[in-house]
Amino acid sequence: MLTACWHYIDQQNGRSITFEYVMLDGVNDKPEHARQLARLMQGHPAKLNLIPSMCFQALGIAVLRPRPF
């Protein structure tokens, strides 16, 4: 999918693309996950919107509080 995104930037509009990334507490909210995302986007005109998940406690999932990386 990223290949298609980079192709779109190169061939279609020449600007940047924005990715939305939902952070789930204990699943993908660690600094190493942020570094992995940065490596995937390195060298490409892209923006990343990190979205802390606000899960329902009734489902037994803790609420994620934003914290600095």
PDB file of N, CA and C in Angstrom:
ATOM      1  N   MET A   1       0.808  -1.173   0.000  1.00  0.00           N
ATOM      2  CA  MET A   1       0.000   0.000   0.000  1.00  0.00           C
ATOM      3  C   MET A   1       0.872   1.266   0.000  1.00  0.00           C
ATOM      4  N   LEU A   2       1.965   1.232   0.760  1.00  0.00           N
ATOM      5  CA  LEU A   2       2.846   2.400   0.769  1.00  0.00           C
ATOM      6  C   LEU A   2       3.419   2.678  -0.613  1.00  0.00           C
ATOM      7  N   THR A   3       3.713   1.622  -1.355  1.00  0.00           N
ATOM      8  CA  THR A   3       4.221   1.803  -2.712  1.00  0.00           C
ATOM      9  C   THR A   3       3.226   2.598  -3.556  1.00  0.00           C
ATOM     10  N   ALA A   4       1.955   2.273  -3.420  1.00  0.00           N
ATOM     11  CA  ALA A   4       0.924   3.001  -4.155  1.00  0.00           C
ATOM     12  C   ALA A   4       0.847   4.457  -3.705  1.00  0.00           C
ATOM     13  N   CYS A   5       1.014   4.699  -2.425  1.00  0.00           N
ATOM     14  CA  CYS A   5       0.996   6.077  -1.908  1.00  0.00           C
ATOM     15  C   CYS A   5       2.157   6.880  -2.472  1.00  0.00           C
ATOM     16  N   TRP A   6       3.341   6.301  -2.449  1.00  0.00           N
ATOM     17  CA  TRP A   6       4.519   7.014  -2.966  1.00  0.00           C
ATOM     18  C   TRP A   6       4.385   7.248  -4.466  1.00  0.00           C
ATOM     19  N   HIS A   7       3.825   6.277  -5.179  1.00  0.00           N
ATOM     20  CA  HIS A   7       3.594   6.441  -6.618  1.00  0.00           C
ATOM     21  C   HIS A   7       2.636   7.598  -6.875  1.00  0.00           C
ATOM     22  N   TYR A   8       1.585   7.672  -6.077  1.00  0.00           N
ATOM     23  CA  TYR A   8       0.614   8.758  -6.225  1.00  0.00           C
ATOM     24  C   TYR A   8       1.300  10.116  -6.066  1.00  0.00           C
ATOM     25  N   ILE A   9       2.138  10.244  -5.043  1.00  0.00           N
ATOM     26  CA  ILE A   9       2.842  11.507  -4.825  1.00  0.00           C
ATOM     27  C   ILE A   9       3.738  11.832  -6.017  1.00  0.00           C
ATOM     28  N   ASP A  10       4.507  10.853  -6.459  1.00  0.00           N
ATOM     29  CA  ASP A  10       5.455  11.072  -7.555  1.00  0.00           C
ATOM     30  C   ASP A  10       4.770  11.362  -8.885  1.00  0.00           C
ATOM     31  N   GLN A  11       3.702  10.651  -9.181  1.00  0.00           N
ATOM     32  CA  GLN A  11       3.099  10.723 -10.506  1.00  0.00           C
ATOM     33  C   GLN A  11       1.885  11.643 -10.610  1.00  0.00           C
ATOM     34  N   GLN A  12       1.214  11.897  -9.508  1.00  0.00           N
ATOM     35  CA  GLN A  12      -0.062  12.597  -9.606  1.00  0.00           C
ATOM     36  C   GLN A  12      -0.048  14.036  -9.100  1.00  0.00           C
ATOM     37  N   ASN A  13       0.373  14.222  -7.852  1.00  0.00           N
ATOM     38  CA  ASN A  13       0.203  15.579  -7.330  1.00  0.00           C
ATOM     39  C   ASN A  13       1.493  16.250  -6.874  1.00  0.00           C
ATOM     40  N   GLY A  14       2.544  15.497  -6.636  1.00  0.00           N
ATOM     41  CA  GLY A  14       3.828  16.079  -6.288  1.00  0.00           C
ATOM     42  C   GLY A  14       3.893  16.774  -4.944  1.00  0.00           C
ATOM     43  N   ARG A  15       2.868  16.694  -4.127  1.00  0.00           N
ATOM     44  CA  ARG A  15       2.904  17.352  -2.819  1.00  0.00           C
ATOM     45  C   ARG A  15       3.190  16.318  -1.742  1.00  0.00           C
ATOM     46  N   SER A  16       2.362  16.216  -0.764  1.00  0.00           N
ATOM     47  CA  SER A  16       2.580  15.238   0.297  1.00  0.00           C
ATOM     48  C   SER A  16       1.290  14.476   0.574  1.00  0.00           C
ATOM     49  N   ILE A  17       1.417  13.451   1.376  1.00  0.00           N
ATOM     50  CA  ILE A  17       0.273  12.636   1.751  1.00  0.00           C
ATOM     51  C   ILE A  17       0.226  12.597   3.280  1.00  0.00           C
ATOM     52  N   THR A  18      -0.970  12.537   3.835  1.00  0.00           N
ATOM     53  CA  THR A  18      -1.137  12.487   5.284  1.00  0.00           C
ATOM     54  C   THR A  18      -1.648  11.110   5.687  1.00  0.00           C
ATOM     55  N   PHE A  19      -0.996  10.535   6.681  1.00  0.00           N
ATOM     56  CA  PHE A  19      -1.399   9.242   7.235  1.00  0.00           C
ATOM     57  C   PHE A  19      -2.018   9.472   8.610  1.00  0.00           C
ATOM     58  N   GLU A  20      -3.059   8.746   8.912  1.00  0.00           N
ATOM     59  CA  GLU A  20      -3.702   8.774  10.225  1.00  0.00           C
ATOM     60  C   GLU A  20      -3.328   7.469  10.932  1.00  0.00           C
ATOM     61  N   TYR A  21      -2.775   7.572  12.135  1.00  0.00           N
ATOM     62  CA  TYR A  21      -2.295   6.398  12.867  1.00  0.00           C
ATOM     63  C   TYR A  21      -2.928   6.383  14.252  1.00  0.00           C
ATOM     64  N   VAL A  22      -3.744   5.387  14.521  1.00  0.00           N
ATOM     65  CA  VAL A  22      -4.411   5.269  15.819  1.00  0.00           C
ATOM     66  C   VAL A  22      -3.511   4.472  16.757  1.00  0.00           C
ATOM     67  N   MET A  23      -3.167   5.083  17.891  1.00  0.00           N
ATOM     68  CA  MET A  23      -2.320   4.434  18.890  1.00  0.00           C
ATOM     69  C   MET A  23      -3.208   3.719  19.905  1.00  0.00           C
ATOM     70  N   LEU A  24      -2.972   2.428  20.070  1.00  0.00           N
ATOM     71  CA  LEU A  24      -3.724   1.625  21.026  1.00  0.00           C
ATOM     72  C   LEU A  24      -2.826   1.318  22.215  1.00  0.00           C
ATOM     73  N   ASP A  25      -3.333   1.563  23.396  1.00  0.00           N
ATOM     74  CA  ASP A  25      -2.571   1.383  24.630  1.00  0.00           C
ATOM     75  C   ASP A  25      -2.026  -0.039  24.742  1.00  0.00           C
ATOM     76  N   GLY A  26      -0.699  -0.141  24.842  1.00  0.00           N
ATOM     77  CA  GLY A  26      -0.062  -1.441  24.997  1.00  0.00           C
ATOM     78  C   GLY A  26       0.059  -2.242  23.715  1.00  0.00           C
ATOM     79  N   VAL A  27      -0.405  -1.703  22.600  1.00  0.00           N
ATOM     80  CA  VAL A  27      -0.352  -2.424  21.324  1.00  0.00           C
ATOM     81  C   VAL A  27       0.642  -1.768  20.375  1.00  0.00           C
ATOM     82  N   ASN A  28       0.480  -0.467  20.149  1.00  0.00           N
ATOM     83  CA  ASN A  28       1.347   0.227  19.187  1.00  0.00           C
ATOM     84  C   ASN A  28       1.638   1.667  19.630  1.00  0.00           C
ATOM     85  N   ASP A  29       1.844   1.840  20.926  1.00  0.00           N
ATOM     86  CA  ASP A  29       2.025   3.183  21.479  1.00  0.00           C
ATOM     87  C   ASP A  29       3.414   3.429  22.073  1.00  0.00           C
ATOM     88  N   LYS A  30       4.360   2.603  21.753  1.00  0.00           N
ATOM     89  CA  LYS A  30       5.706   2.704  22.324  1.00  0.00           C
ATOM     90  C   LYS A  30       6.628   3.522  21.419  1.00  0.00           C
ATOM     91  N   PRO A  31       7.716   4.060  21.972  1.00  0.00           N
ATOM     92  CA  PRO A  31       8.677   4.809  21.153  1.00  0.00           C
ATOM     93  C   PRO A  31       9.217   4.002  19.969  1.00  0.00           C
ATOM     94  N   GLU A  32       9.408   2.705  20.150  1.00  0.00           N
ATOM     95  CA  GLU A  32       9.909   1.895  19.023  1.00  0.00           C
ATOM     96  C   GLU A  32       8.909   1.858  17.868  1.00  0.00           C
ATOM     97  N   HIS A  33       7.624   1.939  18.169  1.00  0.00           N
ATOM     98  CA  HIS A  33       6.617   1.994  17.110  1.00  0.00           C
ATOM     99  C   HIS A  33       6.722   3.308  16.344  1.00  0.00           C
ATOM    100  N   ALA A  34       6.960   4.385  17.057  1.00  0.00           N
ATOM    101  CA  ALA A  34       7.138   5.690  16.398  1.00  0.00           C
ATOM    102  C   ALA A  34       8.364   5.665  15.491  1.00  0.00           C
ATOM    103  N   ARG A  35       9.441   5.032  15.948  1.00  0.00           N
ATOM    104  CA  ARG A  35      10.655   4.930  15.114  1.00  0.00           C
ATOM    105  C   ARG A  35      10.390   4.097  13.862  1.00  0.00           C
ATOM    106  N   GLN A  36       9.615   3.032  13.990  1.00  0.00           N
ATOM    107  CA  GLN A  36       9.266   2.217  12.823  1.00  0.00           C
ATOM    108  C   GLN A  36       8.479   3.037  11.806  1.00  0.00           C
ATOM    109  N   LEU A  37       7.539   3.831  12.288  1.00  0.00           N
ATOM    110  CA  LEU A  37       6.764   4.697  11.397  1.00  0.00           C
ATOM    111  C   LEU A  37       7.666   5.699  10.694  1.00  0.00           C
ATOM    112  N   ALA A  38       8.584   6.282  11.454  1.00  0.00           N
ATOM    113  CA  ALA A  38       9.502   7.270  10.872  1.00  0.00           C
ATOM    114  C   ALA A  38      10.349   6.642   9.772  1.00  0.00           C
ATOM    115  N   ARG A  39      10.813   5.407   9.995  1.00  0.00           N
ATOM    116  CA  ARG A  39      11.610   4.714   8.963  1.00  0.00           C
ATOM    117  C   ARG A  39      10.779   4.462   7.704  1.00  0.00           C
ATOM    118  N   LEU A  40       9.514   4.087   7.872  1.00  0.00           N
ATOM    119  CA  LEU A  40       8.646   3.826   6.715  1.00  0.00           C
ATOM    120  C   LEU A  40       8.428   5.076   5.871  1.00  0.00           C
ATOM    121  N   MET A  41       8.411   6.230   6.524  1.00  0.00           N
ATOM    122  CA  MET A  41       8.106   7.474   5.830  1.00  0.00           C
ATOM    123  C   MET A  41       9.359   8.247   5.413  1.00  0.00           C
ATOM    124  N   GLN A  42      10.511   7.787   5.846  1.00  0.00           N
ATOM    125  CA  GLN A  42      11.760   8.503   5.580  1.00  0.00           C
ATOM    126  C   GLN A  42      11.992   8.692   4.080  1.00  0.00           C
ATOM    127  N   GLY A  43      12.333   9.925   3.718  1.00  0.00           N
ATOM    128  CA  GLY A  43      12.632  10.227   2.326  1.00  0.00           C
ATOM    129  C   GLY A  43      11.420  10.528   1.457  1.00  0.00           C
ATOM    130  N   HIS A  44      10.247  10.531   2.065  1.00  0.00           N
ATOM    131  CA  HIS A  44       9.018  10.798   1.320  1.00  0.00           C
ATOM    132  C   HIS A  44       8.322  12.020   1.904  1.00  0.00           C
ATOM    133  N   PRO A  45       7.660  12.820   1.062  1.00  0.00           N
ATOM    134  CA  PRO A  45       6.922  13.972   1.577  1.00  0.00           C
ATOM    135  C   PRO A  45       5.604  13.516   2.207  1.00  0.00           C
ATOM    136  N   ALA A  46       5.652  13.246   3.497  1.00  0.00           N
ATOM    137  CA  ALA A  46       4.476  12.717   4.173  1.00  0.00           C
ATOM    138  C   ALA A  46       4.313  13.362   5.545  1.00  0.00           C
ATOM    139  N   LYS A  47       3.068  13.378   5.990  1.00  0.00           N
ATOM    140  CA  LYS A  47       2.729  13.866   7.322  1.00  0.00           C
ATOM    141  C   LYS A  47       2.063  12.718   8.069  1.00  0.00           C
ATOM    142  N   LEU A  48       2.249  12.713   9.386  1.00  0.00           N
ATOM    143  CA  LEU A  48       1.686  11.652  10.201  1.00  0.00           C
ATOM    144  C   LEU A  48       0.888  12.261  11.341  1.00  0.00           C
ATOM    145  N   ASN A  49      -0.365  11.893  11.429  1.00  0.00           N
ATOM    146  CA  ASN A  49      -1.235  12.341  12.507  1.00  0.00           C
ATOM    147  C   ASN A  49      -1.377  11.183  13.487  1.00  0.00           C
ATOM    148  N   LEU A  50      -0.800  11.343  14.685  1.00  0.00           N
ATOM    149  CA  LEU A  50      -0.911  10.320  15.725  1.00  0.00           C
ATOM    150  C   LEU A  50      -2.181  10.560  16.525  1.00  0.00           C
ATOM    151  N   ILE A  51      -3.021   9.540  16.592  1.00  0.00           N
ATOM    152  CA  ILE A  51      -4.319   9.661  17.256  1.00  0.00           C
ATOM    153  C   ILE A  51      -4.350   8.729  18.466  1.00  0.00           C
ATOM    154  N   PRO A  52      -4.336   9.296  19.682  1.00  0.00           N
ATOM    155  CA  PRO A  52      -4.451   8.431  20.861  1.00  0.00           C
ATOM    156  C   PRO A  52      -5.863   7.852  20.932  1.00  0.00           C
ATOM    157  N   SER A  53      -5.950   6.557  21.135  1.00  0.00           N
ATOM    158  CA  SER A  53      -7.245   5.883  21.179  1.00  0.00           C
ATOM    159  C   SER A  53      -7.932   6.141  22.509  1.00  0.00           C
ATOM    160  N   MET A  54      -9.195   6.458  22.438  1.00  0.00           N
ATOM    161  CA  MET A  54     -10.006   6.643  23.629  1.00  0.00           C
ATOM    162  C   MET A  54     -10.991   5.478  23.690  1.00  0.00           C
ATOM    163  N   CYS A  55     -10.517   4.337  24.162  1.00  0.00           N
ATOM    164  CA  CYS A  55     -11.333   3.123  24.200  1.00  0.00           C
ATOM    165  C   CYS A  55     -12.295   3.152  25.382  1.00  0.00           C
ATOM    166  N   PHE A  56     -13.335   2.405  25.272  1.00  0.00           N
ATOM    167  CA  PHE A  56     -14.324   2.319  26.341  1.00  0.00           C
ATOM    168  C   PHE A  56     -13.838   1.381  27.430  1.00  0.00           C
ATOM    169  N   GLN A  57     -13.848   1.852  28.664  1.00  0.00           N
ATOM    170  CA  GLN A  57     -13.421   1.010  29.773  1.00  0.00           C
ATOM    171  C   GLN A  57     -14.382  -0.148  29.983  1.00  0.00           C
ATOM    172  N   ALA A  58     -15.619  -0.010  29.540  1.00  0.00           N
ATOM    173  CA  ALA A  58     -16.586  -1.094  29.670  1.00  0.00           C
ATOM    174  C   ALA A  58     -16.133  -2.330  28.898  1.00  0.00           C
ATOM    175  N   LEU A  59     -15.294  -2.118  27.900  1.00  0.00           N
ATOM    176  CA  LEU A  59     -14.784  -3.242  27.113  1.00  0.00           C
ATOM    177  C   LEU A  59     -13.543  -3.854  27.749  1.00  0.00           C
ATOM    178  N   GLY A  60     -13.109  -3.294  28.877  1.00  0.00           N
ATOM    179  CA  GLY A  60     -11.928  -3.813  29.555  1.00  0.00           C
ATOM    180  C   GLY A  60     -10.630  -3.313  28.962  1.00  0.00           C
ATOM    181  N   ILE A  61     -10.693  -2.234  28.190  1.00  0.00           N
ATOM    182  CA  ILE A  61      -9.506  -1.672  27.554  1.00  0.00           C
ATOM    183  C   ILE A  61      -9.223  -0.320  28.195  1.00  0.00           C
ATOM    184  N   ALA A  62      -7.997  -0.122  28.630  1.00  0.00           N
ATOM    185  CA  ALA A  62      -7.628   1.119  29.311  1.00  0.00           C
ATOM    186  C   ALA A  62      -7.659   2.292  28.333  1.00  0.00           C
ATOM    187  N   VAL A  63      -7.907   3.457  28.874  1.00  0.00           N
ATOM    188  CA  VAL A  63      -7.876   4.688  28.083  1.00  0.00           C
ATOM    189  C   VAL A  63      -6.441   5.132  27.926  1.00  0.00           C
ATOM    190  N   LEU A  64      -6.048   5.401  26.709  1.00  0.00           N
ATOM    191  CA  LEU A  64      -4.681   5.836  26.415  1.00  0.00           C
ATOM    192  C   LEU A  64      -4.558   7.333  26.625  1.00  0.00           C
ATOM    193  N   ARG A  65      -3.601   7.721  27.416  1.00  0.00           N
ATOM    194  CA  ARG A  65      -3.305   9.133  27.632  1.00  0.00           C
ATOM    195  C   ARG A  65      -2.123   9.508  26.769  1.00  0.00           C
ATOM    196  N   PRO A  66      -2.201  10.587  26.020  1.00  0.00           N
ATOM    197  CA  PRO A  66      -1.059  11.008  25.202  1.00  0.00           C
ATOM    198  C   PRO A  66       0.159  11.262  26.073  1.00  0.00           C
ATOM    199  N   ARG A  67       1.317  10.844  25.590  1.00  0.00           N
ATOM    200  CA  ARG A  67       2.569  11.095  26.292  1.00  0.00           C
ATOM    201  C   ARG A  67       3.647  11.361  25.275  1.00  0.00           C
ATOM    202  N   PRO A  68       4.660  12.126  25.614  1.00  0.00           N
ATOM    203  CA  PRO A  68       5.705  12.449  24.643  1.00  0.00           C
ATOM    204  C   PRO A  68       6.561  11.240  24.323  1.00  0.00           C
ATOM    205  N   PHE A  69       7.065  11.198  23.088  1.00  0.00           N
ATOM    206  CA  PHE A  69       7.959  10.119  22.690  1.00  0.00           C
ATOM    207  C   PHE A  69       9.357  10.497  23.014  1.00  0.00           C
TER     208      PHE A  69
END
